[in-house]
N, C-alpha and C. Protein backbone atom coordinates (compact mmCIF):
# COMPACT_ATOMS: atom_id res chain seq x y z
N MET A 1 71.20 -11.88 17.23
CA MET A 1 70.02 -12.68 16.90
C MET A 1 70.09 -13.20 15.48
N ARG A 2 70.51 -12.35 14.54
CA ARG A 2 70.60 -12.77 13.14
C ARG A 2 71.65 -13.85 12.95
N GLN A 3 72.74 -13.78 13.75
CA GLN A 3 73.79 -14.79 13.66
C GLN A 3 73.23 -16.15 14.04
N ARG A 4 72.45 -16.25 15.13
CA ARG A 4 71.86 -17.52 15.54
C ARG A 4 70.89 -18.02 14.48
N THR A 5 70.14 -17.10 13.85
CA THR A 5 69.19 -17.49 12.83
C THR A 5 69.91 -18.12 11.63
N HIS A 6 70.98 -17.49 11.18
CA HIS A 6 71.74 -18.04 10.06
C HIS A 6 72.33 -19.41 10.42
N THR A 7 72.89 -19.51 11.62
CA THR A 7 73.51 -20.76 12.04
C THR A 7 72.49 -21.89 12.10
N THR A 8 71.34 -21.61 12.68
CA THR A 8 70.28 -22.61 12.78
C THR A 8 69.77 -23.00 11.40
N LEU A 9 69.60 -22.01 10.53
CA LEU A 9 69.12 -22.26 9.18
C LEU A 9 70.10 -23.15 8.42
N ILE A 10 71.38 -22.82 8.49
CA ILE A 10 72.40 -23.59 7.78
C ILE A 10 72.44 -25.02 8.30
N THR A 11 72.47 -25.18 9.61
CA THR A 11 72.55 -26.52 10.21
C THR A 11 71.33 -27.36 9.85
N THR A 12 70.15 -26.76 9.95
CA THR A 12 68.91 -27.48 9.68
C THR A 12 68.85 -27.96 8.23
N ILE A 13 69.19 -27.08 7.30
CA ILE A 13 69.12 -27.43 5.88
C ILE A 13 70.12 -28.53 5.55
N ILE A 14 71.35 -28.38 6.00
CA ILE A 14 72.38 -29.38 5.66
C ILE A 14 72.03 -30.74 6.24
N LEU A 15 71.63 -30.78 7.51
CA LEU A 15 71.29 -32.06 8.12
C LEU A 15 70.06 -32.68 7.46
N ALA A 16 69.03 -31.87 7.17
CA ALA A 16 67.80 -32.39 6.58
C ALA A 16 68.05 -32.98 5.20
N VAL A 17 68.76 -32.24 4.36
CA VAL A 17 69.02 -32.72 2.99
C VAL A 17 69.85 -34.00 3.01
N ILE A 18 70.91 -34.01 3.81
CA ILE A 18 71.78 -35.20 3.85
C ILE A 18 71.03 -36.41 4.40
N LEU A 19 70.31 -36.23 5.51
CA LEU A 19 69.61 -37.36 6.14
C LEU A 19 68.51 -37.91 5.23
N ILE A 20 67.71 -37.03 4.63
CA ILE A 20 66.64 -37.49 3.75
C ILE A 20 67.21 -38.17 2.52
N ASP A 21 68.22 -37.55 1.91
CA ASP A 21 68.85 -38.11 0.72
C ASP A 21 69.43 -39.49 1.01
N GLN A 22 70.18 -39.62 2.10
CA GLN A 22 70.80 -40.89 2.41
C GLN A 22 69.78 -41.96 2.81
N ALA A 23 68.73 -41.56 3.51
CA ALA A 23 67.69 -42.53 3.88
C ALA A 23 67.01 -43.10 2.64
N VAL A 24 66.71 -42.24 1.68
CA VAL A 24 66.08 -42.71 0.44
C VAL A 24 67.02 -43.60 -0.34
N LYS A 25 68.29 -43.21 -0.45
CA LYS A 25 69.26 -44.02 -1.19
C LYS A 25 69.45 -45.39 -0.57
N ILE A 26 69.58 -45.45 0.75
CA ILE A 26 69.77 -46.73 1.42
C ILE A 26 68.55 -47.61 1.25
N TRP A 27 67.36 -47.01 1.32
CA TRP A 27 66.12 -47.78 1.12
C TRP A 27 66.07 -48.35 -0.30
N VAL A 28 66.40 -47.52 -1.29
CA VAL A 28 66.38 -47.98 -2.67
C VAL A 28 67.42 -49.08 -2.88
N LYS A 29 68.63 -48.89 -2.36
CA LYS A 29 69.69 -49.88 -2.54
C LYS A 29 69.32 -51.24 -1.95
N THR A 30 68.61 -51.23 -0.83
CA THR A 30 68.30 -52.49 -0.13
C THR A 30 66.93 -53.05 -0.48
N HIS A 31 66.17 -52.37 -1.36
CA HIS A 31 64.84 -52.86 -1.73
C HIS A 31 64.65 -53.00 -3.24
N PHE A 32 65.55 -52.45 -4.04
CA PHE A 32 65.45 -52.51 -5.50
C PHE A 32 66.70 -53.16 -6.06
N PHE A 33 66.56 -53.96 -7.10
CA PHE A 33 67.74 -54.41 -7.82
C PHE A 33 68.06 -53.39 -8.91
N ILE A 34 69.31 -53.36 -9.33
CA ILE A 34 69.76 -52.38 -10.29
C ILE A 34 68.94 -52.47 -11.58
N GLY A 35 68.39 -51.34 -12.01
CA GLY A 35 67.55 -51.30 -13.20
C GLY A 35 66.08 -51.50 -12.93
N GLU A 36 65.70 -51.84 -11.70
CA GLU A 36 64.28 -52.05 -11.39
C GLU A 36 63.52 -50.73 -11.41
N GLN A 37 62.29 -50.77 -11.90
CA GLN A 37 61.46 -49.57 -12.01
C GLN A 37 60.08 -49.82 -11.43
N VAL A 38 59.60 -48.86 -10.66
CA VAL A 38 58.24 -48.90 -10.12
C VAL A 38 57.51 -47.65 -10.59
N ASP A 39 56.35 -47.82 -11.22
CA ASP A 39 55.57 -46.69 -11.71
C ASP A 39 54.68 -46.15 -10.60
N VAL A 40 55.02 -44.98 -10.09
CA VAL A 40 54.17 -44.32 -9.10
C VAL A 40 52.98 -43.70 -9.79
N THR A 41 53.23 -42.95 -10.86
CA THR A 41 52.20 -42.44 -11.76
C THR A 41 52.73 -42.60 -13.19
N SER A 42 51.96 -42.15 -14.17
CA SER A 42 52.43 -42.23 -15.55
C SER A 42 53.61 -41.31 -15.82
N TRP A 43 53.78 -40.27 -14.99
CA TRP A 43 54.85 -39.30 -15.21
C TRP A 43 55.89 -39.28 -14.09
N PHE A 44 55.75 -40.15 -13.08
CA PHE A 44 56.73 -40.24 -12.00
C PHE A 44 57.02 -41.69 -11.71
N LYS A 45 58.30 -42.05 -11.81
CA LYS A 45 58.70 -43.43 -11.60
C LYS A 45 59.93 -43.47 -10.70
N ILE A 46 60.05 -44.56 -9.96
CA ILE A 46 61.27 -44.83 -9.20
C ILE A 46 62.07 -45.82 -10.01
N LEU A 47 63.22 -45.40 -10.49
CA LEU A 47 64.09 -46.22 -11.33
C LEU A 47 65.48 -46.23 -10.70
N PHE A 48 65.91 -47.39 -10.24
CA PHE A 48 67.19 -47.50 -9.55
C PHE A 48 68.33 -47.67 -10.54
N ILE A 49 69.19 -46.65 -10.61
CA ILE A 49 70.40 -46.73 -11.40
C ILE A 49 71.56 -46.20 -10.56
N GLU A 50 72.77 -46.45 -11.01
CA GLU A 50 73.96 -45.91 -10.37
C GLU A 50 74.86 -45.30 -11.43
N ASN A 51 75.65 -44.32 -11.04
CA ASN A 51 76.55 -43.69 -11.99
C ASN A 51 77.85 -43.26 -11.31
N ASN A 52 78.86 -43.05 -12.12
CA ASN A 52 80.18 -42.62 -11.63
C ASN A 52 80.35 -41.12 -11.70
N GLY A 53 79.37 -40.42 -12.28
CA GLY A 53 79.58 -39.03 -12.62
C GLY A 53 78.96 -38.03 -11.67
N MET A 54 78.67 -36.85 -12.24
CA MET A 54 78.15 -35.74 -11.47
C MET A 54 76.62 -35.80 -11.48
N ALA A 55 75.98 -34.66 -11.22
CA ALA A 55 74.52 -34.61 -11.16
C ALA A 55 73.91 -35.09 -12.47
N PHE A 56 72.80 -35.82 -12.35
CA PHE A 56 72.05 -36.33 -13.50
C PHE A 56 72.87 -37.30 -14.36
N GLY A 57 73.88 -37.96 -13.74
CA GLY A 57 74.62 -38.99 -14.44
C GLY A 57 75.69 -38.50 -15.39
N MET A 58 75.99 -37.22 -15.38
CA MET A 58 77.05 -36.72 -16.27
C MET A 58 78.41 -37.23 -15.82
N GLU A 59 79.31 -37.41 -16.76
CA GLU A 59 80.64 -37.94 -16.47
C GLU A 59 81.68 -36.83 -16.51
N MET A 60 82.73 -36.97 -15.70
CA MET A 60 83.82 -35.99 -15.71
C MET A 60 85.09 -36.64 -15.22
N GLY A 61 85.97 -37.02 -16.15
CA GLY A 61 87.27 -37.53 -15.76
C GLY A 61 87.21 -38.83 -14.98
N SER A 62 88.25 -39.09 -14.21
CA SER A 62 88.34 -40.33 -13.45
C SER A 62 87.45 -40.28 -12.22
N LYS A 63 87.08 -41.47 -11.74
CA LYS A 63 86.22 -41.58 -10.57
C LYS A 63 86.89 -41.00 -9.33
N LEU A 64 88.14 -41.36 -9.10
CA LEU A 64 88.84 -40.88 -7.91
C LEU A 64 89.01 -39.37 -7.95
N LEU A 65 89.30 -38.82 -9.12
CA LEU A 65 89.43 -37.37 -9.26
C LEU A 65 88.12 -36.67 -8.94
N LEU A 66 87.02 -37.23 -9.41
CA LEU A 66 85.71 -36.64 -9.15
C LEU A 66 85.37 -36.68 -7.66
N THR A 67 85.71 -37.78 -7.00
CA THR A 67 85.43 -37.88 -5.56
C THR A 67 86.19 -36.80 -4.79
N TRP A 68 87.48 -36.63 -5.12
CA TRP A 68 88.26 -35.60 -4.44
C TRP A 68 87.77 -34.20 -4.80
N PHE A 69 87.29 -34.01 -6.01
CA PHE A 69 86.70 -32.73 -6.39
C PHE A 69 85.49 -32.42 -5.52
N ARG A 70 84.66 -33.44 -5.27
CA ARG A 70 83.49 -33.26 -4.40
C ARG A 70 83.92 -32.86 -2.99
N ILE A 71 84.92 -33.56 -2.46
CA ILE A 71 85.37 -33.29 -1.10
C ILE A 71 85.91 -31.86 -0.98
N ILE A 72 86.70 -31.44 -1.95
CA ILE A 72 87.25 -30.09 -1.94
C ILE A 72 86.15 -29.05 -2.07
N ALA A 73 85.17 -29.32 -2.95
CA ALA A 73 84.06 -28.39 -3.14
C ALA A 73 83.24 -28.24 -1.86
N VAL A 74 82.94 -29.35 -1.20
CA VAL A 74 82.17 -29.30 0.06
C VAL A 74 82.95 -28.52 1.11
N THR A 75 84.25 -28.75 1.20
CA THR A 75 85.07 -28.03 2.17
C THR A 75 85.05 -26.53 1.90
N ALA A 76 85.14 -26.16 0.62
CA ALA A 76 85.13 -24.74 0.25
C ALA A 76 83.79 -24.09 0.59
N PHE A 77 82.70 -24.79 0.31
CA PHE A 77 81.37 -24.23 0.62
C PHE A 77 81.16 -24.13 2.12
N CYS A 78 81.64 -25.10 2.88
CA CYS A 78 81.52 -25.02 4.34
C CYS A 78 82.28 -23.81 4.88
N TYR A 79 83.46 -23.59 4.34
CA TYR A 79 84.25 -22.43 4.76
C TYR A 79 83.53 -21.13 4.41
N TYR A 80 82.91 -21.09 3.22
CA TYR A 80 82.17 -19.90 2.81
C TYR A 80 80.97 -19.66 3.72
N LEU A 81 80.28 -20.72 4.08
CA LEU A 81 79.14 -20.57 5.00
C LEU A 81 79.60 -20.06 6.35
N TYR A 82 80.75 -20.54 6.80
CA TYR A 82 81.31 -20.05 8.06
C TYR A 82 81.60 -18.56 7.98
N LYS A 83 82.08 -18.10 6.82
CA LYS A 83 82.43 -16.69 6.66
C LYS A 83 81.19 -15.79 6.63
N ILE A 84 80.05 -16.31 6.15
CA ILE A 84 78.88 -15.45 5.97
C ILE A 84 77.79 -15.67 7.02
N HIS A 85 77.97 -16.65 7.91
CA HIS A 85 76.87 -17.01 8.80
C HIS A 85 76.48 -15.89 9.76
N ASP A 86 77.38 -14.95 10.04
CA ASP A 86 77.08 -13.88 10.98
C ASP A 86 76.94 -12.51 10.32
N LYS A 87 76.86 -12.49 8.99
CA LYS A 87 76.72 -11.21 8.28
C LYS A 87 75.24 -10.86 8.14
N THR A 88 74.86 -9.79 8.78
CA THR A 88 73.44 -9.43 8.84
C THR A 88 72.92 -8.83 7.53
N ASP A 89 73.81 -8.46 6.62
CA ASP A 89 73.37 -7.84 5.38
C ASP A 89 73.14 -8.86 4.26
N ILE A 90 73.32 -10.13 4.53
CA ILE A 90 73.12 -11.17 3.53
C ILE A 90 71.74 -11.80 3.70
N PRO A 91 70.92 -11.86 2.65
CA PRO A 91 69.56 -12.39 2.76
C PRO A 91 69.56 -13.86 3.19
N ARG A 92 68.54 -14.22 3.96
CA ARG A 92 68.42 -15.59 4.43
C ARG A 92 68.23 -16.56 3.27
N GLY A 93 67.51 -16.12 2.24
CA GLY A 93 67.30 -16.99 1.08
C GLY A 93 68.60 -17.35 0.40
N TYR A 94 69.50 -16.39 0.31
CA TYR A 94 70.81 -16.63 -0.29
C TYR A 94 71.59 -17.64 0.54
N VAL A 95 71.58 -17.44 1.86
CA VAL A 95 72.28 -18.37 2.75
C VAL A 95 71.69 -19.77 2.63
N ALA A 96 70.36 -19.85 2.53
CA ALA A 96 69.69 -21.14 2.40
C ALA A 96 70.11 -21.85 1.12
N CYS A 97 70.24 -21.11 0.04
CA CYS A 97 70.67 -21.70 -1.24
C CYS A 97 72.09 -22.25 -1.14
N ILE A 98 72.99 -21.50 -0.53
CA ILE A 98 74.37 -21.97 -0.38
C ILE A 98 74.40 -23.22 0.50
N ALA A 99 73.58 -23.24 1.54
CA ALA A 99 73.52 -24.41 2.42
C ALA A 99 73.00 -25.63 1.68
N MET A 100 72.01 -25.45 0.81
CA MET A 100 71.47 -26.56 0.03
C MET A 100 72.49 -27.09 -0.97
N ILE A 101 73.24 -26.19 -1.60
CA ILE A 101 74.30 -26.62 -2.52
C ILE A 101 75.34 -27.43 -1.76
N THR A 102 75.73 -26.95 -0.59
CA THR A 102 76.70 -27.66 0.24
C THR A 102 76.19 -29.04 0.62
N ALA A 103 74.93 -29.10 1.05
CA ALA A 103 74.35 -30.37 1.46
C ALA A 103 74.24 -31.34 0.30
N GLY A 104 73.81 -30.84 -0.87
CA GLY A 104 73.69 -31.71 -2.03
C GLY A 104 75.02 -32.30 -2.44
N ALA A 105 76.05 -31.46 -2.46
CA ALA A 105 77.39 -31.94 -2.82
C ALA A 105 77.90 -32.94 -1.78
N ALA A 106 77.65 -32.66 -0.50
CA ALA A 106 78.10 -33.56 0.56
C ALA A 106 77.39 -34.90 0.50
N ALA A 107 76.08 -34.88 0.23
CA ALA A 107 75.31 -36.12 0.18
C ALA A 107 75.81 -37.04 -0.94
N ASN A 108 76.07 -36.49 -2.12
CA ASN A 108 76.61 -37.31 -3.21
C ASN A 108 78.04 -37.75 -2.93
N ALA A 109 78.79 -36.92 -2.21
CA ALA A 109 80.15 -37.30 -1.85
C ALA A 109 80.16 -38.51 -0.93
N ILE A 110 79.16 -38.62 -0.06
CA ILE A 110 79.06 -39.78 0.83
C ILE A 110 78.96 -41.06 0.02
N ASP A 111 78.14 -41.04 -1.04
CA ASP A 111 78.03 -42.22 -1.91
C ASP A 111 79.40 -42.61 -2.45
N CYS A 112 80.11 -41.60 -3.00
CA CYS A 112 81.41 -41.86 -3.62
C CYS A 112 82.43 -42.39 -2.62
N ILE A 113 82.42 -41.82 -1.42
CA ILE A 113 83.41 -42.20 -0.42
C ILE A 113 83.12 -43.56 0.20
N ALA A 114 81.86 -43.81 0.58
CA ALA A 114 81.56 -44.94 1.45
C ALA A 114 80.79 -46.09 0.82
N TYR A 115 79.97 -45.84 -0.20
CA TYR A 115 79.05 -46.88 -0.65
C TYR A 115 79.76 -48.12 -1.20
N GLY A 116 80.92 -47.93 -1.80
CA GLY A 116 81.67 -49.09 -2.29
C GLY A 116 82.12 -50.01 -1.17
N GLN A 117 82.25 -49.45 0.03
CA GLN A 117 82.70 -50.22 1.19
C GLN A 117 81.55 -50.85 1.97
N ILE A 118 80.39 -50.20 2.00
CA ILE A 118 79.31 -50.67 2.88
C ILE A 118 78.22 -51.44 2.16
N PHE A 119 78.27 -51.50 0.82
CA PHE A 119 77.28 -52.28 0.06
C PHE A 119 78.00 -53.29 -0.83
N ASN A 120 77.30 -54.41 -1.09
CA ASN A 120 77.77 -55.30 -2.15
C ASN A 120 77.02 -54.98 -3.44
N ALA A 121 77.32 -55.71 -4.50
CA ALA A 121 76.69 -55.42 -5.79
C ALA A 121 76.25 -56.73 -6.45
N PRO A 122 75.18 -57.34 -5.94
CA PRO A 122 74.73 -58.62 -6.51
C PRO A 122 74.08 -58.43 -7.88
N GLN A 123 73.99 -59.51 -8.62
CA GLN A 123 73.33 -59.49 -9.91
C GLN A 123 71.82 -59.47 -9.73
N PRO A 124 71.11 -58.72 -10.58
CA PRO A 124 69.64 -58.73 -10.51
C PRO A 124 69.12 -60.16 -10.70
N PRO A 125 68.02 -60.53 -10.02
CA PRO A 125 67.10 -59.66 -9.27
C PRO A 125 67.41 -59.54 -7.79
N GLN A 126 68.61 -59.89 -7.35
CA GLN A 126 68.96 -59.74 -5.94
C GLN A 126 69.23 -58.27 -5.63
N VAL A 127 68.95 -57.89 -4.39
CA VAL A 127 69.18 -56.51 -3.97
C VAL A 127 70.42 -56.44 -3.10
N ALA A 128 70.99 -55.27 -2.99
CA ALA A 128 72.23 -55.08 -2.24
C ALA A 128 72.02 -55.26 -0.74
N THR A 129 73.09 -55.66 -0.07
CA THR A 129 73.09 -55.83 1.37
C THR A 129 73.93 -54.74 2.00
N LEU A 130 73.42 -54.14 3.08
CA LEU A 130 74.18 -53.14 3.82
C LEU A 130 75.13 -53.85 4.77
N PHE A 131 76.40 -53.48 4.74
CA PHE A 131 77.47 -54.09 5.53
C PHE A 131 77.54 -55.61 5.29
N PRO A 132 77.79 -56.03 4.06
CA PRO A 132 77.86 -57.47 3.77
C PRO A 132 79.09 -58.10 4.40
N THR A 133 78.96 -59.37 4.77
CA THR A 133 80.08 -60.05 5.43
C THR A 133 81.26 -60.24 4.49
N GLU A 134 80.99 -60.34 3.19
CA GLU A 134 82.08 -60.54 2.23
C GLU A 134 82.76 -59.25 1.81
N GLY A 135 82.27 -58.12 2.33
CA GLY A 135 82.87 -56.84 1.99
C GLY A 135 82.13 -56.12 0.88
N GLY A 136 82.56 -54.89 0.58
CA GLY A 136 81.87 -54.07 -0.40
C GLY A 136 82.30 -54.35 -1.82
N TYR A 137 81.68 -53.60 -2.74
CA TYR A 137 81.93 -53.83 -4.16
C TYR A 137 83.07 -52.99 -4.74
N ALA A 138 83.61 -52.05 -3.95
CA ALA A 138 84.68 -51.19 -4.46
C ALA A 138 85.52 -50.68 -3.30
N THR A 139 86.65 -50.10 -3.63
CA THR A 139 87.53 -49.55 -2.62
C THR A 139 87.02 -48.19 -2.13
N LEU A 140 87.60 -47.71 -1.05
CA LEU A 140 87.24 -46.41 -0.50
C LEU A 140 87.42 -45.32 -1.56
N PHE A 141 86.47 -44.39 -1.63
CA PHE A 141 86.47 -43.27 -2.57
C PHE A 141 86.05 -43.67 -3.99
N ASN A 142 85.64 -44.92 -4.18
CA ASN A 142 85.27 -45.37 -5.52
C ASN A 142 83.84 -45.90 -5.60
N GLY A 143 83.00 -45.47 -4.68
CA GLY A 143 81.60 -45.88 -4.72
C GLY A 143 80.83 -45.15 -5.81
N LYS A 144 79.67 -45.72 -6.16
CA LYS A 144 78.82 -45.12 -7.19
C LYS A 144 77.68 -44.34 -6.55
N VAL A 145 77.23 -43.30 -7.25
CA VAL A 145 76.13 -42.46 -6.77
C VAL A 145 74.80 -43.12 -7.14
N VAL A 146 73.90 -43.16 -6.19
CA VAL A 146 72.59 -43.79 -6.38
C VAL A 146 71.58 -42.75 -6.87
N ASP A 147 70.90 -43.06 -7.97
CA ASP A 147 69.82 -42.21 -8.51
C ASP A 147 68.54 -43.02 -8.59
N MET A 148 67.40 -42.33 -8.45
CA MET A 148 66.14 -43.07 -8.46
C MET A 148 64.92 -42.27 -8.93
N LEU A 149 65.00 -40.97 -9.00
CA LEU A 149 63.85 -40.14 -9.34
C LEU A 149 63.78 -39.93 -10.85
N TYR A 150 62.68 -40.36 -11.45
CA TYR A 150 62.55 -40.32 -12.91
C TYR A 150 61.20 -39.72 -13.25
N PHE A 151 61.22 -38.62 -14.00
CA PHE A 151 60.01 -37.90 -14.36
C PHE A 151 59.85 -37.79 -15.88
N PRO A 152 59.42 -38.85 -16.56
CA PRO A 152 59.13 -38.75 -18.00
C PRO A 152 57.79 -38.05 -18.20
N LEU A 153 57.78 -36.73 -18.15
CA LEU A 153 56.54 -35.96 -18.10
C LEU A 153 55.67 -36.16 -19.34
N PHE A 154 56.28 -36.20 -20.50
CA PHE A 154 55.51 -36.53 -21.71
C PHE A 154 56.45 -37.05 -22.79
N GLN A 155 55.85 -37.76 -23.76
CA GLN A 155 56.62 -38.41 -24.81
C GLN A 155 55.98 -38.11 -26.17
N TRP A 156 56.81 -38.19 -27.22
CA TRP A 156 56.32 -37.96 -28.57
C TRP A 156 57.29 -38.55 -29.58
N ASN A 157 56.84 -38.65 -30.80
CA ASN A 157 57.67 -39.07 -31.93
C ASN A 157 57.90 -37.88 -32.84
N TRP A 158 59.16 -37.62 -33.18
CA TRP A 158 59.47 -36.52 -34.07
C TRP A 158 58.95 -36.83 -35.48
N PRO A 159 58.41 -35.83 -36.17
CA PRO A 159 57.95 -36.05 -37.55
C PRO A 159 59.08 -36.54 -38.44
N GLU A 160 58.73 -37.38 -39.41
CA GLU A 160 59.73 -38.00 -40.28
C GLU A 160 60.53 -36.97 -41.07
N TRP A 161 59.94 -35.81 -41.36
CA TRP A 161 60.61 -34.84 -42.24
C TRP A 161 61.70 -34.03 -41.54
N ILE A 162 61.83 -34.13 -40.20
CA ILE A 162 62.86 -33.37 -39.50
C ILE A 162 64.22 -34.06 -39.67
N PRO A 163 65.23 -33.33 -40.14
CA PRO A 163 66.56 -33.95 -40.36
C PRO A 163 67.15 -34.51 -39.08
N TYR A 164 67.83 -35.64 -39.20
CA TYR A 164 68.61 -36.29 -38.16
C TYR A 164 67.76 -36.95 -37.07
N ILE A 165 66.70 -36.29 -36.60
CA ILE A 165 65.91 -36.85 -35.50
C ILE A 165 64.53 -37.32 -35.94
N GLY A 166 64.21 -37.19 -37.21
CA GLY A 166 62.90 -37.57 -37.71
C GLY A 166 62.58 -39.03 -37.44
N GLY A 167 61.38 -39.29 -36.89
CA GLY A 167 60.93 -40.64 -36.59
C GLY A 167 61.38 -41.16 -35.25
N GLN A 168 62.28 -40.46 -34.57
CA GLN A 168 62.79 -40.93 -33.29
C GLN A 168 61.79 -40.64 -32.16
N HIS A 169 61.83 -41.51 -31.16
CA HIS A 169 60.98 -41.34 -29.98
C HIS A 169 61.69 -40.45 -28.97
N ALA A 170 61.00 -39.46 -28.42
CA ALA A 170 61.59 -38.51 -27.47
C ALA A 170 60.83 -38.54 -26.15
N ILE A 171 61.57 -38.31 -25.08
CA ILE A 171 60.99 -38.27 -23.73
C ILE A 171 61.44 -37.00 -23.04
N PHE A 172 60.52 -36.31 -22.39
CA PHE A 172 60.85 -35.16 -21.56
C PHE A 172 60.15 -35.37 -20.19
N PHE A 173 60.87 -35.48 -19.15
CA PHE A 173 62.24 -35.16 -18.82
C PHE A 173 62.95 -36.49 -18.59
N GLN A 174 64.07 -36.78 -19.23
CA GLN A 174 64.65 -38.10 -19.24
C GLN A 174 65.69 -38.40 -18.17
N PRO A 175 66.48 -37.44 -17.68
CA PRO A 175 67.50 -37.77 -16.68
C PRO A 175 66.91 -38.38 -15.41
N VAL A 176 67.65 -39.31 -14.80
CA VAL A 176 67.30 -39.89 -13.50
C VAL A 176 68.23 -39.25 -12.48
N PHE A 177 67.67 -38.81 -11.36
CA PHE A 177 68.46 -38.06 -10.39
C PHE A 177 68.06 -38.44 -8.97
N ASN A 178 68.67 -37.79 -7.99
CA ASN A 178 68.36 -38.05 -6.59
C ASN A 178 68.05 -36.75 -5.86
N ILE A 179 67.77 -36.83 -4.58
CA ILE A 179 67.37 -35.65 -3.81
C ILE A 179 68.53 -34.65 -3.70
N ALA A 180 69.75 -35.15 -3.58
CA ALA A 180 70.91 -34.26 -3.54
C ALA A 180 71.03 -33.46 -4.83
N ASP A 181 70.85 -34.13 -5.98
CA ASP A 181 70.88 -33.43 -7.27
C ASP A 181 69.81 -32.35 -7.32
N ALA A 182 68.60 -32.68 -6.83
CA ALA A 182 67.51 -31.71 -6.85
C ALA A 182 67.84 -30.49 -6.00
N ALA A 183 68.43 -30.72 -4.82
CA ALA A 183 68.82 -29.61 -3.95
C ALA A 183 69.86 -28.72 -4.64
N LEU A 184 70.82 -29.35 -5.30
CA LEU A 184 71.86 -28.60 -6.00
C LEU A 184 71.30 -27.73 -7.12
N THR A 185 70.54 -28.35 -8.00
CA THR A 185 70.08 -27.64 -9.20
C THR A 185 69.06 -26.56 -8.88
N THR A 186 68.12 -26.85 -7.98
CA THR A 186 67.13 -25.82 -7.63
C THR A 186 67.78 -24.64 -6.93
N SER A 187 68.80 -24.90 -6.13
CA SER A 187 69.48 -23.82 -5.42
C SER A 187 70.27 -22.95 -6.39
N VAL A 188 70.98 -23.58 -7.34
CA VAL A 188 71.73 -22.81 -8.33
C VAL A 188 70.78 -21.97 -9.17
N ALA A 189 69.66 -22.55 -9.58
CA ALA A 189 68.68 -21.80 -10.37
C ALA A 189 68.11 -20.63 -9.58
N THR A 190 67.83 -20.84 -8.30
CA THR A 190 67.30 -19.78 -7.44
C THR A 190 68.32 -18.65 -7.28
N LEU A 191 69.58 -19.01 -7.10
CA LEU A 191 70.63 -17.98 -6.99
C LEU A 191 70.70 -17.13 -8.25
N ILE A 192 70.65 -17.79 -9.41
CA ILE A 192 70.75 -17.05 -10.67
C ILE A 192 69.55 -16.15 -10.90
N ILE A 193 68.37 -16.64 -10.55
CA ILE A 193 67.14 -15.88 -10.83
C ILE A 193 66.91 -14.76 -9.82
N PHE A 194 67.11 -15.06 -8.53
CA PHE A 194 66.71 -14.12 -7.48
C PHE A 194 67.88 -13.42 -6.77
N TYR A 195 69.07 -13.94 -6.88
CA TYR A 195 70.18 -13.38 -6.10
C TYR A 195 71.37 -13.02 -6.97
N ARG A 196 71.11 -12.59 -8.19
CA ARG A 196 72.20 -12.17 -9.07
C ARG A 196 72.95 -10.98 -8.50
N ASN A 197 72.23 -10.04 -7.89
CA ASN A 197 72.89 -8.88 -7.29
C ASN A 197 73.83 -9.28 -6.15
N GLN A 198 73.39 -10.25 -5.36
CA GLN A 198 74.23 -10.72 -4.26
C GLN A 198 75.47 -11.40 -4.80
N LEU A 199 75.32 -12.21 -5.85
CA LEU A 199 76.47 -12.87 -6.46
C LEU A 199 77.44 -11.86 -7.04
N ALA A 200 76.90 -10.82 -7.68
CA ALA A 200 77.75 -9.78 -8.25
C ALA A 200 78.47 -9.01 -7.15
N ALA A 201 77.77 -8.74 -6.04
CA ALA A 201 78.40 -8.03 -4.92
C ALA A 201 79.52 -8.86 -4.31
N ASN A 202 79.30 -10.18 -4.20
CA ASN A 202 80.34 -11.06 -3.66
C ASN A 202 81.57 -11.07 -4.56
N ASP A 203 81.32 -11.11 -5.87
CA ASP A 203 82.42 -11.11 -6.83
C ASP A 203 83.21 -9.81 -6.76
N LYS A 204 82.50 -8.69 -6.61
CA LYS A 204 83.16 -7.40 -6.50
C LYS A 204 83.98 -7.30 -5.22
N GLU A 205 83.42 -7.83 -4.12
CA GLU A 205 84.14 -7.80 -2.85
C GLU A 205 85.42 -8.64 -2.92
N THR A 206 85.31 -9.81 -3.61
CA THR A 206 86.49 -10.67 -3.76
C THR A 206 87.58 -9.99 -4.58
N THR A 207 87.16 -9.32 -5.65
CA THR A 207 88.11 -8.61 -6.51
C THR A 207 88.81 -7.49 -5.76
N GLN A 208 88.07 -6.76 -4.94
CA GLN A 208 88.67 -5.67 -4.16
C GLN A 208 89.66 -6.19 -3.14
N GLN A 209 89.37 -7.35 -2.55
CA GLN A 209 90.27 -7.92 -1.55
C GLN A 209 91.57 -8.38 -2.19
N GLN A 210 91.48 -8.79 -3.47
CA GLN A 210 92.69 -9.22 -4.16
C GLN A 210 93.58 -8.04 -4.54
């Protein structure tokens, strides 16, 4: 019974995260021009940007290398989920976190692998077309990741007397991200806060097997 529960949980989370993330990205790509912003509230905005990097727009090496890193990471997490899906001593919350990390990585990998082929990249204020007749904007594995969630919760100006940053305008929280990024980061934070013992036990088990 527990094996079916883990399997259903893993499948549901991965499919839900990927489908919701991709649906939002495709909607943004086909309804917003690059750089367009819509204010939902004073602290929540939809801002369409694209990036070549990891979560929250961070950069790491070449684009092709990063895409293959994503593919390898997703494969490794899928294999790990397969190994633990029938273990009754592993908490469901822990399994759910690993599934969310897998789904988040897979969802962003889809952008990198396919978006360059299935979207064009017109100049603003035109919006992108899905499956354009003239072809995509990049080769396979070289697509850009779509981000749109922007939460500038509050803003302030640093006092003039503070060295280096005095007088500068600051915004919290400034990164623009997507649903896949949110799934990744919240899951990692949850693992660290609530499942440190499980992570330590896994590390110990791996060491003993070696």
